[in-house]
Amino acid sequence: MRPIARIGELFSSAWAALTGGLLAVWILVRSVNLAGFYAGSLLIDFPSPLALLISLPLWTLLRLVGYAGWTILAAEPMLIKNWSPGHLLQQHRRLLLISSTCVALGLILELILPGLWKSLAEILLRT
């Protein structure tokens, strides 16, 4: 639970369009791999469907959704050969807004909810 490291991911995502979406794909894949690793680590100790739900916190899922949207937005200029920010804002305003909101909400929840999530996990996964 390192929200400060997430801010570094945000700045990296800003440069993703310059790489034709390659950096955005790397950030998305890295985030999915970490989420899978954390889920798998918990499932080793608590092999139940409930542990799977606990192991993927809401903020992780929101960030993954946001990063997936940003990946699409970062790769599109290379595909259509139109690097105009105006085109991006005009054609994909909704995707940009939803993706950015998901990432921002994920960051906020990661700052606020870890203690509550840990308490909930301890209560639900008691053996």
C-alpha atoms as a PDB file:
ATOM      1  CA  MET A   1       0.000   0.000   0.000  1.00  0.00           C
ATOM      2  CA  ARG A   2       2.233   2.754  -1.300  1.00  0.00           C
ATOM      3  CA  PRO A   3       0.150   5.599  -2.696  1.00  0.00           C
ATOM      4  CA  ILE A   4       3.266   7.714  -3.226  1.00  0.00           C
ATOM      5  CA  ALA A   5       4.554   5.130  -5.702  1.00  0.00           C
ATOM      6  CA  ARG A   6       1.217   5.392  -7.506  1.00  0.00           C
ATOM      7  CA  ILE A   7       1.843   9.085  -8.093  1.00  0.00           C
ATOM      8  CA  GLY A   8       5.024   8.093  -9.947  1.00  0.00           C
ATOM      9  CA  GLU A   9       2.897   5.831 -12.117  1.00  0.00           C
ATOM     10  CA  LEU A  10       0.650   8.795 -12.886  1.00  0.00           C
ATOM     11  CA  PHE A  11       3.575  10.877 -14.128  1.00  0.00           C
ATOM     12  CA  SER A  12       4.803   7.932 -16.188  1.00  0.00           C
ATOM     13  CA  SER A  13       1.358   7.608 -17.700  1.00  0.00           C
ATOM     14  CA  ALA A  14       1.554  11.192 -18.858  1.00  0.00           C
ATOM     15  CA  TRP A  15       4.507  10.234 -21.074  1.00  0.00           C
ATOM     16  CA  ALA A  16       2.810   7.113 -22.383  1.00  0.00           C
ATOM     17  CA  ALA A  17       1.408   8.802 -25.478  1.00  0.00           C
ATOM     18  CA  LEU A  18       4.924   9.669 -26.632  1.00  0.00           C
ATOM     19  CA  THR A  19       5.779   5.980 -26.760  1.00  0.00           C
ATOM     20  CA  GLY A  20       2.677   5.086 -28.746  1.00  0.00           C
ATOM     21  CA  GLY A  21       1.090   3.432 -25.741  1.00  0.00           C
ATOM     22  CA  LEU A  22       4.055   1.142 -25.032  1.00  0.00           C
ATOM     23  CA  LEU A  23       4.742   2.683 -21.629  1.00  0.00           C
ATOM     24  CA  ALA A  24       1.024   2.604 -20.826  1.00  0.00           C
ATOM     25  CA  VAL A  25       0.899  -1.106 -21.637  1.00  0.00           C
ATOM     26  CA  TRP A  26       3.896  -1.713 -19.377  1.00  0.00           C
ATOM     27  CA  ILE A  27       2.245   0.170 -16.492  1.00  0.00           C
ATOM     28  CA  LEU A  28      -1.012  -1.747 -16.992  1.00  0.00           C
ATOM     29  CA  VAL A  29       0.706  -5.140 -17.196  1.00  0.00           C
ATOM     30  CA  ARG A  30       2.844  -4.365 -14.145  1.00  0.00           C
ATOM     31  CA  SER A  31      -0.237  -3.375 -12.140  1.00  0.00           C
ATOM     32  CA  VAL A  32      -2.138  -6.497 -13.202  1.00  0.00           C
ATOM     33  CA  ASN A  33       0.861  -8.678 -12.308  1.00  0.00           C
ATOM     34  CA  LEU A  34       1.161  -7.112  -8.849  1.00  0.00           C
ATOM     35  CA  ALA A  35      -2.570  -7.507  -8.218  1.00  0.00           C
ATOM     36  CA  GLY A  36      -2.374 -11.150  -9.301  1.00  0.00           C
ATOM     37  CA  PHE A  37       0.661 -11.755  -7.110  1.00  0.00           C
ATOM     38  CA  TYR A  38      -1.056 -10.284  -4.050  1.00  0.00           C
ATOM     39  CA  ALA A  39      -4.227 -12.270  -4.755  1.00  0.00           C
ATOM     40  CA  GLY A  40      -2.273 -15.490  -5.260  1.00  0.00           C
ATOM     41  CA  SER A  41      -0.266 -14.939  -2.096  1.00  0.00           C
ATOM     42  CA  LEU A  42      -3.421 -14.578  -0.045  1.00  0.00           C
ATOM     43  CA  LEU A  43      -5.125 -17.517  -1.726  1.00  0.00           C
ATOM     44  CA  ILE A  44      -2.252 -19.806  -0.729  1.00  0.00           C
ATOM     45  CA  ASP A  45      -3.043 -19.196   2.940  1.00  0.00           C
ATOM     46  CA  PHE A  46      -6.831 -18.857   2.591  1.00  0.00           C
ATOM     47  CA  PRO A  47      -8.104 -20.987  -0.309  1.00  0.00           C
ATOM     48  CA  SER A  48     -11.650 -19.668  -0.541  1.00  0.00           C
ATOM     49  CA  PRO A  49     -13.626 -17.497  -2.959  1.00  0.00           C
ATOM     50  CA  LEU A  50     -14.027 -14.936  -0.191  1.00  0.00           C
ATOM     51  CA  ALA A  51     -10.246 -14.548  -0.004  1.00  0.00           C
ATOM     52  CA  LEU A  52     -10.191 -13.712  -3.713  1.00  0.00           C
ATOM     53  CA  LEU A  53     -12.628 -10.867  -3.146  1.00  0.00           C
ATOM     54  CA  ILE A  54     -10.602  -9.601  -0.198  1.00  0.00           C
ATOM     55  CA  SER A  55      -7.291  -9.895  -2.057  1.00  0.00           C
ATOM     56  CA  LEU A  56      -8.384  -7.533  -4.834  1.00  0.00           C
ATOM     57  CA  PRO A  57      -9.255  -4.279  -3.078  1.00  0.00           C
ATOM     58  CA  LEU A  58     -11.611  -1.845  -4.733  1.00  0.00           C
ATOM     59  CA  TRP A  59      -8.838   0.713  -5.280  1.00  0.00           C
ATOM     60  CA  THR A  60      -6.773  -1.819  -7.231  1.00  0.00           C
ATOM     61  CA  LEU A  61      -9.678  -2.626  -9.524  1.00  0.00           C
ATOM     62  CA  LEU A  62     -10.391   1.067 -10.074  1.00  0.00           C
ATOM     63  CA  ARG A  63      -6.761   1.758 -10.954  1.00  0.00           C
ATOM     64  CA  LEU A  64      -6.695  -1.151 -13.405  1.00  0.00           C
ATOM     65  CA  VAL A  65      -9.830   0.145 -15.141  1.00  0.00           C
ATOM     66  CA  GLY A  66      -8.324   3.627 -15.341  1.00  0.00           C
ATOM     67  CA  TYR A  67      -4.983   2.375 -16.635  1.00  0.00           C
ATOM     68  CA  ALA A  68      -6.738   0.291 -19.292  1.00  0.00           C
ATOM     69  CA  GLY A  69      -8.563   3.392 -20.523  1.00  0.00           C
ATOM     70  CA  TRP A  70      -5.356   5.419 -20.529  1.00  0.00           C
ATOM     71  CA  THR A  71      -3.634   2.667 -22.502  1.00  0.00           C
ATOM     72  CA  ILE A  72      -6.278   2.922 -25.204  1.00  0.00           C
ATOM     73  CA  LEU A  73      -5.973   6.703 -25.248  1.00  0.00           C
ATOM     74  CA  ALA A  74      -2.176   6.596 -25.400  1.00  0.00           C
ATOM     75  CA  ALA A  75      -2.047   4.088 -28.248  1.00  0.00           C
ATOM     76  CA  GLU A  76      -4.670   5.653 -30.476  1.00  0.00           C
ATOM     77  CA  PRO A  77      -2.634   8.611 -31.834  1.00  0.00           C
ATOM     78  CA  MET A  78      -0.039   6.214 -33.228  1.00  0.00           C
ATOM     79  CA  LEU A  79      -2.734   4.083 -34.851  1.00  0.00           C
ATOM     80  CA  ILE A  80      -4.613   6.900 -36.558  1.00  0.00           C
ATOM     81  CA  LYS A  81      -1.558   9.150 -37.014  1.00  0.00           C
ATOM     82  CA  ASN A  82      -3.264  12.148 -35.465  1.00  0.00           C
ATOM     83  CA  TRP A  83      -1.265  13.596 -32.579  1.00  0.00           C
ATOM     84  CA  SER A  84      -3.584  16.527 -31.956  1.00  0.00           C
ATOM     85  CA  PRO A  85      -4.634  16.836 -28.295  1.00  0.00           C
ATOM     86  CA  GLY A  86      -7.760  18.584 -29.529  1.00  0.00           C
ATOM     87  CA  HIS A  87      -8.785  15.451 -31.426  1.00  0.00           C
ATOM     88  CA  LEU A  88      -8.273  13.364 -28.305  1.00  0.00           C
ATOM     89  CA  LEU A  89     -10.328  15.723 -26.155  1.00  0.00           C
ATOM     90  CA  GLN A  90     -13.037  16.053 -28.767  1.00  0.00           C
ATOM     91  CA  GLN A  91     -13.415  12.385 -29.699  1.00  0.00           C
ATOM     92  CA  HIS A  92     -12.601  10.635 -26.425  1.00  0.00           C
ATOM     93  CA  ARG A  93     -13.550  13.059 -23.696  1.00  0.00           C
ATOM     94  CA  ARG A  94     -15.777  10.535 -21.930  1.00  0.00           C
ATOM     95  CA  LEU A  95     -13.117   7.786 -21.887  1.00  0.00           C
ATOM     96  CA  LEU A  96     -10.526  10.260 -20.633  1.00  0.00           C
ATOM     97  CA  LEU A  97     -12.853  11.494 -17.903  1.00  0.00           C
ATOM     98  CA  ILE A  98     -13.906   8.002 -16.777  1.00  0.00           C
ATOM     99  CA  SER A  99     -10.337   6.650 -16.819  1.00  0.00           C
ATOM    100  CA  SER A 100      -8.931   9.631 -14.939  1.00  0.00           C
ATOM    101  CA  THR A 101     -11.756   9.503 -12.399  1.00  0.00           C
ATOM    102  CA  CYS A 102     -11.144   5.795 -11.778  1.00  0.00           C
ATOM    103  CA  VAL A 103      -7.424   6.345 -11.203  1.00  0.00           C
ATOM    104  CA  ALA A 104      -8.012   9.365  -8.942  1.00  0.00           C
ATOM    105  CA  LEU A 105     -10.709   7.564  -6.954  1.00  0.00           C
ATOM    106  CA  GLY A 106      -8.438   4.521  -6.661  1.00  0.00           C
ATOM    107  CA  LEU A 107      -5.655   6.705  -5.245  1.00  0.00           C
ATOM    108  CA  ILE A 108      -7.990   8.368  -2.763  1.00  0.00           C
ATOM    109  CA  LEU A 109      -9.425   5.043  -1.601  1.00  0.00           C
ATOM    110  CA  GLU A 110      -5.916   3.610  -1.253  1.00  0.00           C
ATOM    111  CA  LEU A 111      -5.054   6.481   1.071  1.00  0.00           C
ATOM    112  CA  ILE A 112      -8.228   6.186   3.155  1.00  0.00           C
ATOM    113  CA  LEU A 113      -9.385   2.556   3.284  1.00  0.00           C
ATOM    114  CA  PRO A 114      -6.441   0.183   3.901  1.00  0.00           C
ATOM    115  CA  GLY A 115      -7.019  -0.028   7.658  1.00  0.00           C
ATOM    116  CA  LEU A 116     -10.717  -0.717   7.208  1.00  0.00           C
ATOM    117  CA  TRP A 117     -10.001  -3.256   4.457  1.00  0.00           C
ATOM    118  CA  LYS A 118      -7.491  -5.049   6.690  1.00  0.00           C
ATOM    119  CA  SER A 119      -9.985  -5.195   9.553  1.00  0.00           C
ATOM    120  CA  LEU A 120     -12.663  -6.536   7.232  1.00  0.00           C
ATOM    121  CA  ALA A 121     -10.274  -9.169   5.924  1.00  0.00           C
ATOM    122  CA  GLU A 122      -9.327 -10.279   9.434  1.00  0.00           C
ATOM    123  CA  ILE A 123     -12.987 -10.641  10.399  1.00  0.00           C
ATOM    124  CA  LEU A 124     -14.011 -12.511   7.242  1.00  0.00           C
ATOM    125  CA  LEU A 125     -10.986 -14.800   7.007  1.00  0.00           C
ATOM    126  CA  ARG A 126     -10.878 -16.019  10.606  1.00  0.00           C
ATOM    127  CA  THR A 127     -10.365 -19.736  10.761  1.00  0.00           C
END
